[in-house]
C-alpha atoms as a PDB file:
ATOM      1  CA  MET A   1     -40.375 -37.157 -20.472  1.00  0.00           C
ATOM      2  CA  GLU A   2     -38.333 -39.462 -17.759  1.00  0.00           C
ATOM      3  CA  ALA A   3     -41.003 -41.951 -19.347  1.00  0.00           C
ATOM      4  CA  ILE A   4     -39.369 -41.696 -22.842  1.00  0.00           C
ATOM      5  CA  ARG A   5     -36.827 -43.957 -23.769  1.00  0.00           C
ATOM      6  CA  VAL A   6     -36.345 -43.961 -27.632  1.00  0.00           C
ATOM      7  CA  PRO A   7     -34.662 -47.474 -29.041  1.00  0.00           C
ATOM      8  CA  ARG A   8     -31.230 -47.594 -30.433  1.00  0.00           C
ATOM      9  CA  LEU A   9     -31.112 -48.939 -34.364  1.00  0.00           C
ATOM     10  CA  GLY A  10     -27.784 -50.901 -32.504  1.00  0.00           C
ATOM     11  CA  PRO A  11     -26.899 -52.308 -29.662  1.00  0.00           C
ATOM     12  CA  GLY A  12     -26.854 -50.098 -25.781  1.00  0.00           C
ATOM     13  CA  ARG A  13     -29.210 -48.865 -23.896  1.00  0.00           C
ATOM     14  CA  PRO A  14     -32.235 -46.842 -24.660  1.00  0.00           C
ATOM     15  CA  ARG A  15     -31.568 -42.884 -25.096  1.00  0.00           C
ATOM     16  CA  ALA A  16     -33.630 -40.946 -22.239  1.00  0.00           C
ATOM     17  CA  ARG A  17     -32.540 -37.802 -22.963  1.00  0.00           C
ATOM     18  CA  PRO A  18     -33.091 -35.822 -26.502  1.00  0.00           C
ATOM     19  CA  ASP A  19     -31.542 -33.587 -28.783  1.00  0.00           C
ATOM     20  CA  HIS A  20     -33.430 -30.449 -28.549  1.00  0.00           C
ATOM     21  CA  VAL A  21     -36.669 -29.745 -26.705  1.00  0.00           C
ATOM     22  CA  LEU A  22     -39.367 -27.517 -28.607  1.00  0.00           C
ATOM     23  CA  GLY A  23     -42.619 -26.298 -26.723  1.00  0.00           C
ATOM     24  CA  ASP A  24     -44.957 -23.441 -27.180  1.00  0.00           C
ATOM     25  CA  LYS A  25     -45.645 -20.767 -24.005  1.00  0.00           C
ATOM     26  CA  GLY A  26     -47.972 -23.198 -22.055  1.00  0.00           C
ATOM     27  CA  TYR A  27     -44.422 -24.890 -21.355  1.00  0.00           C
ATOM     28  CA  SER A  28     -42.864 -21.672 -19.865  1.00  0.00           C
ATOM     29  CA  SER A  29     -42.530 -22.120 -15.796  1.00  0.00           C
ATOM     30  CA  LYS A  30     -39.849 -21.539 -14.356  1.00  0.00           C
ATOM     31  CA  ALA A  31     -39.707 -24.659 -12.987  1.00  0.00           C
ATOM     32  CA  ILE A  32     -39.987 -26.407 -16.552  1.00  0.00           C
ATOM     33  CA  ARG A  33     -36.672 -24.847 -18.031  1.00  0.00           C
ATOM     34  CA  ALA A  34     -34.715 -25.475 -14.650  1.00  0.00           C
ATOM     35  CA  TRP A  35     -35.870 -29.094 -14.807  1.00  0.00           C
ATOM     36  CA  LEU A  36     -34.341 -28.993 -18.231  1.00  0.00           C
ATOM     37  CA  ARG A  37     -30.966 -27.133 -17.918  1.00  0.00           C
ATOM     38  CA  ARG A  38     -30.526 -29.399 -15.174  1.00  0.00           C
ATOM     39  CA  ARG A  39     -30.598 -31.938 -17.841  1.00  0.00           C
ATOM     40  CA  GLY A  40     -28.276 -30.504 -20.122  1.00  0.00           C
ATOM     41  CA  ILE A  41     -31.905 -30.328 -22.444  1.00  0.00           C
ATOM     42  CA  PRO A  42     -30.714 -27.453 -24.533  1.00  0.00           C
ATOM     43  CA  HIS A  43     -34.609 -26.155 -25.141  1.00  0.00           C
ATOM     44  CA  THR A  44     -36.692 -23.482 -27.503  1.00  0.00           C
ATOM     45  CA  ILE A  45     -39.672 -22.316 -25.126  1.00  0.00           C
ATOM     46  CA  PRO A  46     -41.195 -18.471 -25.508  1.00  0.00           C
ATOM     47  CA  GLU A  47     -41.669 -16.401 -22.941  1.00  0.00           C
ATOM     48  CA  ARG A  48     -45.519 -15.461 -22.106  1.00  0.00           C
ATOM     49  CA  ALA A  49     -46.165 -12.049 -21.797  1.00  0.00           C
ATOM     50  CA  ASP A  50     -46.531 -11.990 -18.704  1.00  0.00           C
ATOM     51  CA  GLN A  51     -42.977 -13.385 -17.400  1.00  0.00           C
ATOM     52  CA  ILE A  52     -41.681 -10.771 -20.446  1.00  0.00           C
ATOM     53  CA  ALA A  53     -43.777  -7.866 -18.116  1.00  0.00           C
ATOM     54  CA  ASN A  54     -42.443  -8.993 -15.173  1.00  0.00           C
ATOM     55  CA  ARG A  55     -39.263  -9.115 -16.137  1.00  0.00           C
ATOM     56  CA  ALA A  56     -39.054  -5.930 -17.363  1.00  0.00           C
ATOM     57  CA  ARG A  57     -40.977  -4.369 -14.301  1.00  0.00           C
ATOM     58  CA  ARG A  58     -38.516  -5.302 -11.855  1.00  0.00           C
ATOM     59  CA  GLY A  59     -35.780  -3.998 -14.105  1.00  0.00           C
ATOM     60  CA  SER A  60     -32.295  -4.637 -13.437  1.00  0.00           C
ATOM     61  CA  ARG A  61     -33.559  -7.233 -10.647  1.00  0.00           C
ATOM     62  CA  GLY A  62     -35.136  -9.274 -13.353  1.00  0.00           C
ATOM     63  CA  GLY A  63     -32.497 -11.075 -15.387  1.00  0.00           C
ATOM     64  CA  ARG A  64     -32.085 -11.607 -18.683  1.00  0.00           C
ATOM     65  CA  PRO A  65     -34.452 -13.134 -20.953  1.00  0.00           C
ATOM     66  CA  PRO A  66     -33.944 -17.090 -22.279  1.00  0.00           C
ATOM     67  CA  ALA A  67     -32.260 -17.968 -24.934  1.00  0.00           C
ATOM     68  CA  PHE A  68     -34.789 -18.058 -28.051  1.00  0.00           C
ATOM     69  CA  ASP A  69     -34.363 -20.001 -31.539  1.00  0.00           C
ATOM     70  CA  ARG A  70     -36.648 -18.383 -33.709  1.00  0.00           C
ATOM     71  CA  GLU A  71     -35.952 -21.022 -36.541  1.00  0.00           C
ATOM     72  CA  ALA A  72     -35.706 -23.850 -34.687  1.00  0.00           C
ATOM     73  CA  TYR A  73     -39.109 -22.673 -33.541  1.00  0.00           C
ATOM     74  CA  LYS A  74     -40.396 -22.649 -37.000  1.00  0.00           C
ATOM     75  CA  HIS A  75     -39.734 -26.590 -37.633  1.00  0.00           C
ATOM     76  CA  ARG A  76     -42.411 -27.318 -33.759  1.00  0.00           C
ATOM     77  CA  ASN A  77     -45.327 -25.973 -36.533  1.00  0.00           C
ATOM     78  CA  VAL A  78     -44.740 -29.798 -38.541  1.00  0.00           C
ATOM     79  CA  VAL A  79     -45.313 -31.851 -35.571  1.00  0.00           C
ATOM     80  CA  GLU A  80     -48.405 -29.686 -34.770  1.00  0.00           C
ATOM     81  CA  ARG A  81     -49.857 -30.047 -37.709  1.00  0.00           C
ATOM     82  CA  CYS A  82     -49.216 -34.080 -37.885  1.00  0.00           C
ATOM     83  CA  PHE A  83     -51.517 -34.413 -34.833  1.00  0.00           C
ATOM     84  CA  ASN A  84     -54.435 -32.124 -35.954  1.00  0.00           C
ATOM     85  CA  ARG A  85     -54.067 -34.184 -39.032  1.00  0.00           C
ATOM     86  CA  LEU A  86     -54.395 -37.619 -37.436  1.00  0.00           C
ATOM     87  CA  LYS A  87     -56.832 -36.020 -34.726  1.00  0.00           C
ATOM     88  CA  GLN A  88     -59.504 -36.062 -37.543  1.00  0.00           C
ATOM     89  CA  TRP A  89     -59.460 -39.665 -37.045  1.00  0.00           C
ATOM     90  CA  ARG A  90     -62.352 -39.392 -35.123  1.00  0.00           C
ATOM     91  CA  GLY A  91     -61.128 -43.250 -32.773  1.00  0.00           C
ATOM     92  CA  ILE A  92     -58.428 -41.215 -32.224  1.00  0.00           C
ATOM     93  CA  ALA A  93     -59.746 -37.432 -31.138  1.00  0.00           C
ATOM     94  CA  THR A  94     -61.800 -39.605 -28.869  1.00  0.00           C
ATOM     95  CA  ARG A  95     -59.612 -42.794 -28.103  1.00  0.00           C
ATOM     96  CA  TYR A  96     -62.463 -45.085 -28.400  1.00  0.00           C
ATOM     97  CA  ASP A  97     -59.453 -48.069 -28.160  1.00  0.00           C
ATOM     98  CA  LYS A  98     -59.409 -49.673 -23.991  1.00  0.00           C
ATOM     99  CA  THR A  99     -55.899 -50.737 -24.153  1.00  0.00           C
ATOM    100  CA  ALA A 100     -52.742 -48.178 -24.401  1.00  0.00           C
ATOM    101  CA  GLN A 101     -51.558 -51.273 -27.567  1.00  0.00           C
ATOM    102  CA  SER A 102     -55.157 -51.264 -28.920  1.00  0.00           C
ATOM    103  CA  TYR A 103     -54.807 -47.483 -29.430  1.00  0.00           C
ATOM    104  CA  GLU A 104     -50.936 -47.226 -30.307  1.00  0.00           C
ATOM    105  CA  ALA A 105     -52.081 -49.127 -33.181  1.00  0.00           C
ATOM    106  CA  ALA A 106     -54.611 -46.952 -34.677  1.00  0.00           C
ATOM    107  CA  VAL A 107     -52.314 -43.821 -34.164  1.00  0.00           C
ATOM    108  CA  ALA A 108     -49.863 -46.515 -36.798  1.00  0.00           C
ATOM    109  CA  LEU A 109     -52.290 -47.846 -38.461  1.00  0.00           C
ATOM    110  CA  ALA A 110     -54.318 -43.655 -39.320  1.00  0.00           C
ATOM    111  CA  SER A 111     -50.405 -43.091 -39.771  1.00  0.00           C
ATOM    112  CA  LEU A 112     -49.540 -45.032 -42.840  1.00  0.00           C
ATOM    113  CA  LEU A 113     -52.960 -44.385 -44.212  1.00  0.00           C
ATOM    114  CA  MET A 114     -52.537 -40.728 -44.014  1.00  0.00           C
ATOM    115  CA  TRP A 115     -48.698 -40.650 -45.522  1.00  0.00           C
ATOM    116  CA  ALA A 116     -49.564 -42.911 -48.349  1.00  0.00           C
END
């Protein structure tokens, strides 16, 4: 995430910190949550079942569960569906292009054709 830079419409540095991060259970580690918390980035990531069970087993020493906003998490589905539709294009799913620039152009072209 440190490499992501979003250009601004007007003058100024590109944005490096997102407004909110939505992730699936694969990103539910303590290290990732701590990294996001240190940088002041709000996040919505569900806990894995083993983390819930471990906290319950520890009782009061297990700590309280991390905050989870169900309404915000529902918007993650839109992004997942977009990636799934892009992967219907064989050249994008298998990454035939050699350079990142030509791959990015292929993704842009597929996106245009998809949403046109």
